[in-house]
Amino acid sequence: MKRIILLALATAAMGQDPLSLKEAVGQALQLHPSLRASAAARDVAKAGITEARSGLLPKVNYSESWTRSDNPVFVFSSLLTQRQFTQESFALPALNRPGFLNNFQSVVAAEQPLYDGGKTRHAVQVAELAQSSAGESMRRERMDAIQRTARAYYAALLTAEQLRVTAQAQRSAESGLERAEARRSAGMATDADVLSIRVHLAKVKEEEIQRTADLEVARASLNEAMGLPLDTAHTLTTSLKDLPVSPESLAGLEQSSRGRPENRQAQLARDIAVVRQADARSNYMPQVVARGAFEAARQRFYNQGGANWLVSIGLRWNLFNGLADKARIESSVAAQRQADAEGARIESAVRLQVRQAWANLKAAQQRIQTARAAAEEAQESLRISQNRYAAGLATVTDLLRTETALIETQTRQIAAIHDQRVAAMLLELAAGTLTADSEVLN
């Protein structure tokens, strides 16, 4: 029995693996399905380059067919192709009313583009740009995975700290209830004082219950962000403490944001529009193709036949296509204008995100200082109120008011620290510099 208990304890301890924020981010980058999906999209774009380049290579096809007919023209031409034409084939009855003839035809045909007006080159350029865009999408997804995991981790830490503050407030309320009951027994307090503290204690217990539920949800959200089963247990080792961050100048951060995946994708979209415009114009250019074929025709599948081959060069020039080519050019020009406008919109939105994150970080740092001072004052105020209440110099209302004020200031301090860490992380995200090795994740 003892061995079973020890085994159960060991299993539980193994389930509570220590987990730092950077370790959580590393898990997310390895396991989350969104990263696997973006990697697959990048591979699809890479295969598109090979597909586009295939336009430069010859196309070779093999075909096999069997035909049986007594059509005079078919019989005449098939005998010639099969190299089976004889003197008797010129007889009028044989020409007018030939018997049924089999023709097994094997053809190997090859086609090599010699000039296509640059269409294959344009297709390759678009595919390469699409691959670069897919790479930027993957980089953006990695950054999003980092910020999702960090936010979930910070939320779990914040909820755990709020639960700790609530538990501390509950112990303080229970101690106050004991003092109030002792004073009532000594005739120094009334039932109203005891009931007021009991109501306050019940409220604190309700908050503790809610915080406990919130913590379970926060831990499940963290597991989802990491791509793990929702009930995976961890011991979070990164402390919720304010970071000694000194953000760069706003101008420098905005300059860094030009390297954001969104900006890079907008530029790639412009480049794709330019290439497609050139491709639309290439429809007016001629196309030159070389063709070759080897044919074997036989009366039987394995004999009584002949072979021939041919080589040709063909030119195709689109002189008029019902204004479709002109419409494609106009469409591509409009698409380029659209890409330019969209790129300008994205660049402005990114700069706004940088400014918002920069302002939020500064505000959070100032809130930490204010909340820390207020928490210290509230702690001292509660100590004084407890002493005054014990000496009969303060009412229970004063005591409960100071206890509530302490809970609120401690909660605000924790929230300010949480907001500072999130703001520091989001500032790097907005500037496009957030990676798994960023200092803000320590």
Protein backbone atom coordinates (compact mmCIF):
# COMPACT_ATOMS: atom_id res chain seq x y z
CA MET A 1 0.00 0.00 0.00
CA LYS A 2 2.83 2.35 0.86
CA ARG A 3 4.46 1.74 -2.54
CA ILE A 4 1.18 2.56 -4.28
CA ILE A 5 0.87 5.83 -2.37
CA LEU A 6 4.46 6.79 -3.18
CA LEU A 7 3.88 5.96 -6.85
CA ALA A 8 0.77 8.14 -6.92
CA LEU A 9 2.65 11.02 -5.30
CA ALA A 10 5.50 10.65 -7.79
CA THR A 11 3.06 10.65 -10.69
CA ALA A 12 1.39 13.81 -9.39
CA ALA A 13 4.76 15.49 -8.98
CA MET A 14 5.67 14.59 -12.56
CA GLY A 15 2.43 16.16 -13.75
CA GLN A 16 3.39 19.45 -12.10
CA ASP A 17 6.38 20.20 -14.31
CA PRO A 18 8.00 23.59 -13.72
CA LEU A 19 7.31 25.86 -16.66
CA SER A 20 8.90 29.23 -17.35
CA LEU A 21 7.47 31.73 -19.79
CA LYS A 22 10.20 31.07 -22.36
CA GLU A 23 9.64 27.33 -22.05
CA ALA A 24 5.93 27.88 -22.64
CA VAL A 25 6.72 29.92 -25.75
CA GLY A 26 9.05 27.18 -26.98
CA GLN A 27 6.29 24.61 -26.51
CA ALA A 28 3.85 26.75 -28.49
CA LEU A 29 6.27 27.23 -31.37
CA GLN A 30 6.75 23.47 -31.60
CA LEU A 31 3.27 22.11 -30.95
CA HIS A 32 0.55 24.59 -31.84
CA PRO A 33 -1.45 23.60 -34.95
CA SER A 34 -1.39 27.14 -36.34
CA LEU A 35 2.39 26.92 -36.76
CA ARG A 36 2.10 23.58 -38.54
CA ALA A 37 -0.56 25.07 -40.82
CA SER A 38 1.62 28.06 -41.74
CA ALA A 39 4.58 25.74 -42.40
CA ALA A 40 2.39 23.68 -44.73
CA ALA A 41 1.28 26.86 -46.53
CA ARG A 42 4.94 27.79 -47.04
CA ASP A 43 5.61 24.35 -48.53
CA VAL A 44 2.63 24.77 -50.86
CA ALA A 45 4.08 28.09 -52.08
CA LYS A 46 7.49 26.47 -52.55
CA ALA A 47 5.95 23.75 -54.71
CA GLY A 48 4.29 26.50 -56.76
CA ILE A 49 7.74 27.71 -57.87
CA THR A 50 8.60 24.28 -59.26
CA GLU A 51 5.24 24.16 -61.00
CA ALA A 52 5.80 27.59 -62.58
CA ARG A 53 9.30 26.67 -63.74
CA SER A 54 7.92 23.60 -65.48
CA GLY A 55 6.79 25.95 -68.25
CA LEU A 56 10.42 26.09 -69.40
CA LEU A 57 10.69 22.31 -69.78
CA PRO A 58 9.38 20.10 -72.58
CA LYS A 59 6.09 18.26 -72.25
CA VAL A 60 6.23 14.60 -73.30
CA ASN A 61 3.10 12.46 -73.64
CA TYR A 62 2.47 8.88 -74.68
CA SER A 63 -0.84 7.72 -76.13
CA GLU A 64 -2.14 4.38 -77.33
CA SER A 65 -5.29 3.77 -79.37
CA TRP A 66 -7.02 0.98 -81.30
CA THR A 67 -9.37 1.50 -84.24
CA ARG A 68 -11.18 -1.03 -86.45
CA SER A 69 -13.10 0.10 -89.53
CA ASP A 70 -13.85 -0.64 -93.21
CA ASN A 71 -13.98 3.04 -94.13
CA PRO A 72 -12.10 3.28 -97.48
CA VAL A 73 -10.17 6.38 -96.52
CA PHE A 74 -9.27 4.94 -93.11
CA VAL A 75 -8.12 1.64 -94.60
CA PHE A 76 -6.12 3.35 -97.33
CA SER A 77 -4.32 5.76 -94.99
CA SER A 78 -3.79 3.13 -92.29
CA LEU A 79 -2.13 0.72 -94.74
CA LEU A 80 0.19 3.51 -95.81
CA THR A 81 1.02 4.41 -92.22
CA GLN A 82 1.56 0.76 -91.32
CA ARG A 83 3.90 0.35 -94.35
CA GLN A 84 1.66 -2.52 -95.46
CA PHE A 85 0.48 -0.99 -98.75
CA THR A 86 0.98 -3.41 -101.72
CA GLN A 87 0.24 -3.60 -105.41
CA GLU A 88 -3.04 -5.40 -104.66
CA SER A 89 -4.17 -2.45 -102.57
CA PHE A 90 -4.70 -0.48 -105.84
CA ALA A 91 -7.37 -2.83 -107.03
CA LEU A 92 -10.68 -1.03 -107.39
CA PRO A 93 -12.69 -3.51 -105.29
CA ALA A 94 -10.09 -3.21 -102.52
CA LEU A 95 -10.24 0.56 -102.74
CA ASN A 96 -14.03 0.86 -102.88
CA ARG A 97 -15.02 -1.93 -100.55
CA PRO A 98 -12.09 -2.85 -98.36
CA GLY A 99 -12.40 -5.34 -95.53
CA PHE A 100 -12.20 -4.41 -91.87
CA LEU A 101 -8.75 -3.30 -90.78
CA ASN A 102 -7.20 -2.99 -87.31
CA ASN A 103 -4.94 -0.09 -86.50
CA PHE A 104 -2.99 -0.05 -83.22
CA GLN A 105 -1.45 3.41 -82.94
CA SER A 106 1.30 4.36 -80.46
CA VAL A 107 2.38 7.99 -80.31
CA VAL A 108 5.09 9.69 -78.28
CA ALA A 109 4.73 13.48 -78.63
CA ALA A 110 6.96 16.21 -77.24
CA GLU A 111 6.42 19.96 -77.10
CA GLN A 112 9.03 22.55 -76.18
CA PRO A 113 8.14 26.25 -75.77
CA LEU A 114 10.74 28.40 -77.52
CA TYR A 115 9.23 31.80 -76.77
CA ASP A 116 6.09 32.69 -74.80
CA GLY A 117 6.40 36.45 -74.42
CA GLY A 118 7.72 36.11 -70.86
CA LYS A 119 4.64 34.38 -69.42
CA THR A 120 6.63 31.56 -67.81
CA ARG A 121 9.12 34.05 -66.38
CA HIS A 122 6.26 36.07 -64.92
CA ALA A 123 4.69 32.94 -63.44
CA VAL A 124 7.98 32.07 -61.74
CA GLN A 125 8.31 35.60 -60.36
CA VAL A 126 4.77 35.51 -58.94
CA ALA A 127 5.42 32.09 -57.38
CA GLU A 128 8.66 33.28 -55.79
CA LEU A 129 6.93 36.37 -54.40
CA ALA A 130 4.11 34.16 -53.10
CA GLN A 131 6.69 31.99 -51.33
CA SER A 132 8.20 35.07 -49.71
CA SER A 133 4.72 36.17 -48.64
CA ALA A 134 4.09 32.71 -47.15
CA GLY A 135 7.36 33.03 -45.25
CA GLU A 136 6.22 36.36 -43.84
CA SER A 137 2.90 34.78 -42.89
CA MET A 138 4.79 32.10 -41.00
CA ARG A 139 6.92 34.73 -39.25
CA ARG A 140 3.77 36.65 -38.30
CA GLU A 141 2.15 33.45 -37.02
CA ARG A 142 5.22 32.74 -34.88
CA MET A 143 5.02 36.23 -33.40
CA ASP A 144 1.29 35.81 -32.79
CA ALA A 145 1.94 32.45 -31.12
CA ILE A 146 4.52 34.10 -28.84
CA GLN A 147 2.18 36.92 -27.84
CA ARG A 148 -0.79 34.57 -27.35
CA THR A 149 1.25 32.31 -25.10
CA ALA A 150 2.75 35.22 -23.18
CA ARG A 151 -0.66 36.78 -22.62
CA ALA A 152 -2.10 33.47 -21.43
CA TYR A 153 0.90 32.94 -19.14
CA TYR A 154 0.61 36.46 -17.68
CA ALA A 155 -3.16 36.00 -17.25
CA ALA A 156 -2.55 32.79 -15.28
CA LEU A 157 0.04 34.57 -13.11
CA LEU A 158 -2.29 37.52 -12.56
CA THR A 159 -5.18 35.27 -11.54
CA ALA A 160 -2.93 33.29 -9.20
CA GLU A 161 -1.70 36.53 -7.57
CA GLN A 162 -5.26 37.80 -7.25
CA LEU A 163 -6.20 34.51 -5.61
CA ARG A 164 -3.28 34.91 -3.20
CA VAL A 165 -4.42 38.44 -2.28
CA THR A 166 -7.98 37.20 -1.78
CA ALA A 167 -6.76 34.34 0.41
CA GLN A 168 -4.73 36.81 2.45
CA ALA A 169 -7.80 39.05 2.79
CA GLN A 170 -9.84 36.05 3.93
CA ARG A 171 -7.32 35.25 6.67
CA SER A 172 -7.37 38.89 7.74
CA ALA A 173 -11.17 38.88 7.83
CA GLU A 174 -11.22 35.67 9.85
CA SER A 175 -8.77 37.19 12.32
CA GLY A 176 -10.95 40.31 12.52
CA LEU A 177 -13.99 38.14 13.16
CA GLU A 178 -12.22 36.46 16.06
CA ARG A 179 -11.32 39.84 17.56
CA ALA A 180 -14.88 41.11 17.09
CA GLU A 181 -16.32 38.04 18.80
CA ALA A 182 -13.83 38.43 21.64
CA ARG A 183 -14.77 42.09 22.06
CA ARG A 184 -18.46 41.20 21.97
CA SER A 185 -17.90 38.65 24.74
CA ALA A 186 -16.17 41.37 26.72
CA GLY A 187 -19.10 43.70 26.13
CA MET A 188 -17.02 46.08 24.00
CA ALA A 189 -18.77 45.32 20.68
CA THR A 190 -22.27 44.59 19.50
CA ASP A 191 -23.76 41.84 17.39
CA ALA A 192 -23.89 44.29 14.51
CA ASP A 193 -20.08 44.46 14.48
CA VAL A 194 -19.79 40.69 14.31
CA LEU A 195 -22.45 40.42 11.59
CA SER A 196 -20.76 43.13 9.51
CA ILE A 197 -17.46 41.27 9.57
CA ARG A 198 -19.20 37.99 8.75
CA VAL A 199 -20.84 39.61 5.72
CA HIS A 200 -17.45 40.95 4.66
CA LEU A 201 -15.90 37.50 5.13
CA ALA A 202 -18.62 35.89 3.02
CA LYS A 203 -17.94 38.37 0.25
CA VAL A 204 -14.22 37.60 0.36
CA LYS A 205 -14.95 33.85 0.22
CA GLU A 206 -17.14 34.39 -2.85
CA GLU A 207 -14.28 36.24 -4.52
CA GLU A 208 -11.92 33.40 -3.64
CA ILE A 209 -14.27 30.86 -5.22
CA GLN A 210 -14.49 32.95 -8.38
CA ARG A 211 -10.71 33.47 -8.49
CA THR A 212 -10.18 29.72 -8.20
CA ALA A 213 -12.48 29.11 -11.15
CA ASP A 214 -10.76 31.88 -13.12
CA LEU A 215 -7.40 30.28 -12.44
CA GLU A 216 -8.57 26.93 -13.84
CA VAL A 217 -9.76 28.65 -17.02
CA ALA A 218 -6.53 30.66 -17.29
CA ARG A 219 -4.40 27.52 -17.01
CA ALA A 220 -6.55 25.79 -19.65
CA SER A 221 -6.13 28.82 -21.93
CA LEU A 222 -2.36 28.63 -21.46
CA ASN A 223 -2.37 24.95 -22.43
CA GLU A 224 -4.42 25.76 -25.54
CA ALA A 225 -1.95 28.47 -26.53
CA MET A 226 0.89 25.94 -26.18
CA GLY A 227 -0.96 23.27 -28.16
CA LEU A 228 -1.20 20.92 -25.16
CA PRO A 229 -4.19 19.07 -23.66
CA LEU A 230 -6.26 21.56 -21.67
CA ASP A 231 -5.90 19.69 -18.37
CA THR A 232 -2.08 19.54 -18.46
CA ALA A 233 -0.72 20.62 -15.05
CA HIS A 234 2.26 22.99 -14.69
CA THR A 235 4.01 24.96 -12.00
CA LEU A 236 4.58 28.46 -13.40
CA THR A 237 8.05 29.62 -12.42
CA THR A 238 8.27 33.08 -14.01
CA SER A 239 7.36 35.66 -11.37
CA LEU A 240 4.89 38.45 -11.99
CA LYS A 241 7.31 41.28 -11.31
CA ASP A 242 7.75 44.55 -13.11
CA LEU A 243 10.45 44.66 -15.77
CA PRO A 244 13.23 47.25 -15.83
CA VAL A 245 12.49 48.14 -19.44
CA SER A 246 13.60 51.32 -21.16
CA PRO A 247 11.79 51.58 -24.48
CA GLU A 248 13.53 53.03 -27.49
CA SER A 249 12.52 56.35 -28.90
CA LEU A 250 9.19 56.38 -30.64
CA ALA A 251 10.84 57.26 -33.93
CA GLY A 252 13.21 54.31 -33.66
CA LEU A 253 10.36 51.92 -32.89
CA GLU A 254 8.35 53.17 -35.85
CA GLN A 255 11.38 52.68 -38.05
CA SER A 256 11.76 49.11 -36.79
CA SER A 257 8.10 48.43 -37.50
CA ARG A 258 8.79 48.76 -41.23
CA GLY A 259 10.15 45.21 -40.99
CA ARG A 260 6.85 43.86 -39.66
CA PRO A 261 5.51 40.88 -41.64
CA GLU A 262 2.38 42.90 -42.51
CA ASN A 263 4.48 45.64 -44.14
CA ARG A 264 6.63 43.12 -45.96
CA GLN A 265 3.54 41.31 -47.25
CA ALA A 266 2.05 44.60 -48.44
CA GLN A 267 5.22 45.32 -50.42
CA LEU A 268 5.18 41.80 -51.85
CA ALA A 269 1.55 42.30 -52.88
CA ARG A 270 2.62 45.45 -54.76
CA ASP A 271 5.40 43.52 -56.49
CA ILE A 272 2.99 40.73 -57.48
CA ALA A 273 0.61 43.32 -58.94
CA VAL A 274 3.43 44.80 -61.03
CA VAL A 275 4.43 41.38 -62.36
CA ARG A 276 0.85 40.49 -63.20
CA GLN A 277 0.50 43.76 -65.06
CA ALA A 278 3.52 42.84 -67.17
CA ASP A 279 2.07 39.36 -67.67
CA ALA A 280 -1.21 40.84 -68.91
CA ARG A 281 0.70 42.88 -71.49
CA SER A 282 2.61 39.79 -72.62
CA ASN A 283 -0.65 38.42 -74.09
CA TYR A 284 0.05 40.64 -77.09
CA MET A 285 3.33 38.86 -77.77
CA PRO A 286 3.67 35.83 -80.10
CA GLN A 287 4.28 32.31 -78.86
CA VAL A 288 6.65 29.92 -80.61
CA VAL A 289 6.56 26.19 -79.89
CA ALA A 290 8.61 23.28 -81.26
CA ARG A 291 6.85 19.94 -81.57
CA GLY A 292 8.06 16.45 -82.29
CA ALA A 293 6.29 13.11 -82.50
CA PHE A 294 7.10 9.46 -83.09
CA GLU A 295 4.26 7.24 -84.29
CA ALA A 296 3.98 3.49 -84.68
CA ALA A 297 0.93 2.04 -86.46
CA ARG A 298 0.28 -1.72 -86.58
CA GLN A 299 -2.41 -4.16 -87.64
CA ARG A 300 -1.52 -6.27 -84.66
CA PHE A 301 -0.30 -4.90 -81.38
CA TYR A 302 3.15 -6.46 -81.78
CA ASN A 303 3.77 -6.70 -85.56
CA GLN A 304 2.63 -5.87 -89.10
CA GLY A 305 3.27 -2.19 -88.76
CA GLY A 306 5.50 0.75 -89.48
CA ALA A 307 6.80 3.87 -87.79
CA ASN A 308 7.24 7.51 -88.66
CA TRP A 309 8.22 10.73 -86.99
CA LEU A 310 7.78 14.45 -87.48
CA VAL A 311 9.25 17.75 -86.24
CA SER A 312 7.54 21.11 -86.51
CA ILE A 313 7.78 24.67 -85.27
CA GLY A 314 4.60 26.66 -84.83
CA LEU A 315 3.88 30.32 -84.16
CA ARG A 316 0.73 31.65 -82.56
CA TRP A 317 0.09 35.38 -82.39
CA ASN A 318 -2.98 36.84 -80.72
CA LEU A 319 -4.10 39.66 -83.01
CA PHE A 320 -7.54 40.25 -81.48
CA ASN A 321 -9.15 38.63 -78.46
CA GLY A 322 -12.39 40.52 -78.13
CA LEU A 323 -10.83 43.23 -75.89
CA ALA A 324 -10.23 40.60 -73.17
CA ASP A 325 -6.50 41.34 -73.08
CA LYS A 326 -7.14 45.07 -72.78
CA ALA A 327 -9.51 44.39 -69.88
CA ARG A 328 -6.87 42.23 -68.16
CA ILE A 329 -4.35 45.06 -68.41
CA GLU A 330 -6.82 47.57 -66.98
CA SER A 331 -7.65 45.12 -64.19
CA SER A 332 -3.97 44.61 -63.33
CA VAL A 333 -3.35 48.38 -63.27
CA ALA A 334 -6.28 48.81 -60.86
CA ALA A 335 -4.97 45.92 -58.74
CA GLN A 336 -1.62 47.70 -58.46
CA ARG A 337 -3.35 50.89 -57.29
CA GLN A 338 -5.30 48.82 -54.78
CA ALA A 339 -2.11 47.20 -53.49
CA ASP A 340 -0.46 50.62 -53.11
CA ALA A 341 -3.41 51.97 -51.15
CA GLU A 342 -3.62 48.86 -48.98
CA GLY A 343 0.11 49.06 -48.27
CA ALA A 344 -0.24 52.68 -47.15
CA ARG A 345 -3.16 51.73 -44.89
CA ILE A 346 -1.24 48.87 -43.30
CA GLU A 347 1.84 51.02 -42.72
CA SER A 348 -0.25 53.69 -40.98
CA ALA A 349 -2.06 51.08 -38.87
CA VAL A 350 1.25 49.53 -37.82
CA ARG A 351 2.64 52.90 -36.76
CA LEU A 352 -0.52 53.51 -34.73
CA GLN A 353 -0.06 50.15 -33.00
CA VAL A 354 3.50 51.15 -32.09
CA ARG A 355 2.33 54.43 -30.59
CA GLN A 356 -0.47 52.74 -28.64
CA ALA A 357 1.87 50.10 -27.22
CA TRP A 358 4.51 52.73 -26.39
CA ALA A 359 1.92 54.88 -24.55
CA ASN A 360 0.47 51.86 -22.74
CA LEU A 361 3.91 50.83 -21.53
CA LYS A 362 4.68 54.29 -20.17
CA ALA A 363 1.29 54.46 -18.47
CA ALA A 364 1.72 50.99 -16.93
CA GLN A 365 5.14 51.91 -15.52
CA GLN A 366 3.69 55.04 -13.90
CA ARG A 367 0.72 53.06 -12.56
CA ILE A 368 3.09 50.59 -10.91
CA GLN A 369 4.77 53.35 -8.92
CA THR A 370 1.46 54.89 -7.89
CA ALA A 371 -0.14 51.54 -7.01
CA ARG A 372 2.90 50.39 -5.01
CA ALA A 373 2.85 53.55 -2.89
CA ALA A 374 -0.91 53.27 -2.41
CA ALA A 375 -0.60 49.61 -1.35
CA GLU A 376 2.03 50.48 1.24
CA GLU A 377 -0.16 53.26 2.61
CA ALA A 378 -3.22 50.97 2.67
CA GLN A 379 -1.24 48.33 4.56
CA GLU A 380 -0.20 50.87 7.18
CA SER A 381 -3.74 52.25 7.36
CA LEU A 382 -5.11 48.75 8.01
CA ARG A 383 -2.57 48.17 10.78
CA ILE A 384 -3.60 51.41 12.46
CA SER A 385 -7.31 50.62 12.08
CA GLN A 386 -6.86 47.17 13.57
CA ASN A 387 -5.05 48.60 16.58
CA ARG A 388 -7.66 51.35 17.01
CA TYR A 389 -10.51 48.87 16.70
CA ALA A 390 -8.91 46.57 19.26
CA ALA A 391 -8.62 49.55 21.60
CA GLY A 392 -12.21 50.60 20.95
CA LEU A 393 -11.17 53.82 19.18
CA ALA A 394 -12.51 52.89 15.73
CA THR A 395 -15.73 51.38 14.46
CA VAL A 396 -16.09 48.17 12.53
CA THR A 397 -17.00 50.26 9.50
CA ASP A 398 -13.60 51.92 9.61
CA LEU A 399 -11.92 48.54 9.88
CA LEU A 400 -13.82 47.03 6.95
CA ARG A 401 -13.22 50.11 4.82
CA THR A 402 -9.46 49.91 5.31
CA GLU A 403 -9.43 46.15 4.65
CA THR A 404 -11.36 46.68 1.42
CA ALA A 405 -9.03 49.51 0.43
CA LEU A 406 -6.01 47.25 0.96
CA ILE A 407 -7.47 44.51 -1.25
CA GLU A 408 -8.24 47.03 -3.97
CA THR A 409 -4.81 48.67 -3.93
CA GLN A 410 -2.99 45.33 -3.92
CA THR A 411 -5.16 44.16 -6.81
CA ARG A 412 -4.43 47.37 -8.72
CA GLN A 413 -0.71 46.95 -8.11
CA ILE A 414 -0.75 43.39 -9.46
CA ALA A 415 -2.82 44.47 -12.44
CA ALA A 416 -0.40 47.31 -13.19
CA ILE A 417 2.57 44.92 -13.15
CA HIS A 418 0.64 42.53 -15.41
CA ASP A 419 -0.23 45.36 -17.79
CA GLN A 420 3.39 46.54 -17.87
CA ARG A 421 4.69 43.12 -18.86
CA VAL A 422 1.99 42.71 -21.49
CA ALA A 423 2.62 46.24 -22.82
CA ALA A 424 6.37 45.60 -23.06
CA MET A 425 5.71 42.41 -24.99
CA LEU A 426 3.15 44.09 -27.27
CA LEU A 427 5.56 46.94 -27.95
CA GLU A 428 8.11 44.50 -29.33
CA LEU A 429 5.33 42.83 -31.29
CA ALA A 430 4.27 46.17 -32.76
CA ALA A 431 7.88 47.01 -33.62
CA GLY A 432 8.31 43.62 -35.29
CA THR A 433 11.18 42.56 -33.01
CA LEU A 434 9.39 40.00 -30.81
CA THR A 435 11.12 36.60 -30.85
CA ALA A 436 11.36 33.60 -28.57
CA ASP A 437 14.64 35.05 -27.23
CA SER A 438 13.27 38.52 -26.42
CA GLU A 439 14.35 39.89 -23.06
CA VAL A 440 10.76 40.83 -22.15
CA LEU A 441 9.99 37.10 -21.81
CA ASN A 442 12.47 36.60 -18.97
